[in-house]
Amino acid sequence: MAVKIDKNTCIGCGACVETCPVQALSMVDGKADVDPETCVDCGACVGVCPVQALSL
């Protein structure tokens, strides 16, 4: 599994991208995007999202 991103809620701030310890997140078309092959479900990104757009 990988972190889930609600694209409708994401504001594109990039906080999750900067926080990800395995660089599984990137910005695509102004929104966060996850590489499910790289994501290790650590949850680091979930806690830093100011709009709760990410979940495990």
Protein backbone atom coordinates (compact mmCIF):
# COMPACT_ATOMS: atom_id res chain seq x y z
CA MET A 1 0.00 0.00 0.00
CA ALA A 2 0.96 3.62 -0.30
CA VAL A 3 -0.26 6.83 1.23
CA LYS A 4 -3.52 8.10 -0.29
CA ILE A 5 -3.74 11.67 -1.52
CA ASP A 6 -7.07 13.48 -1.88
CA LYS A 7 -6.35 15.60 -4.96
CA ASN A 8 -9.44 17.73 -4.33
CA THR A 9 -8.17 18.69 -0.88
CA CYS A 10 -4.45 19.06 -1.70
CA ILE A 11 -3.38 22.70 -1.95
CA GLY A 12 0.02 21.94 -3.48
CA CYS A 13 2.10 23.38 -0.65
CA GLY A 14 4.79 20.69 -0.97
CA ALA A 15 5.18 20.10 2.78
CA CYS A 16 4.72 16.36 2.32
CA VAL A 17 7.29 16.21 -0.48
CA GLU A 18 9.92 17.88 1.70
CA THR A 19 9.11 15.57 4.64
CA CYS A 20 9.16 12.20 2.86
CA PRO A 21 12.25 10.29 4.01
CA VAL A 22 12.28 8.02 0.94
CA GLN A 23 11.41 10.64 -1.72
CA ALA A 24 8.21 8.81 -2.66
CA LEU A 25 6.27 12.06 -3.10
CA SER A 26 6.55 14.66 -5.83
CA MET A 27 4.52 17.51 -7.25
CA VAL A 28 2.59 16.79 -10.46
CA ASP A 29 0.42 19.49 -11.99
CA GLY A 30 0.56 21.47 -8.75
CA LYS A 31 -0.63 18.60 -6.54
CA ALA A 32 1.15 15.98 -4.46
CA ASP A 33 1.65 12.60 -6.12
CA VAL A 34 2.96 9.34 -4.65
CA ASP A 35 5.12 6.63 -6.18
CA PRO A 36 3.56 3.49 -4.68
CA GLU A 37 6.70 1.47 -5.44
CA THR A 38 8.80 3.76 -3.23
CA CYS A 39 6.34 4.64 -0.44
CA VAL A 40 7.00 2.70 2.79
CA ASP A 41 3.82 3.81 4.64
CA CYS A 42 5.78 5.57 7.38
CA GLY A 43 3.15 8.31 7.74
CA ALA A 44 5.64 11.19 8.00
CA CYS A 45 3.77 13.10 5.30
CA VAL A 46 0.34 12.65 6.90
CA GLY A 47 1.23 14.70 9.97
CA VAL A 48 2.64 17.69 8.08
CA CYS A 49 -0.23 18.23 5.65
CA PRO A 50 -2.00 21.44 6.68
CA VAL A 51 -5.28 20.38 5.06
CA GLN A 52 -5.29 16.65 5.92
CA ALA A 53 -5.18 15.62 2.25
CA LEU A 54 -3.07 12.54 2.99
CA SER A 55 -4.03 9.32 4.77
CA LEU A 56 -2.69 5.82 5.28
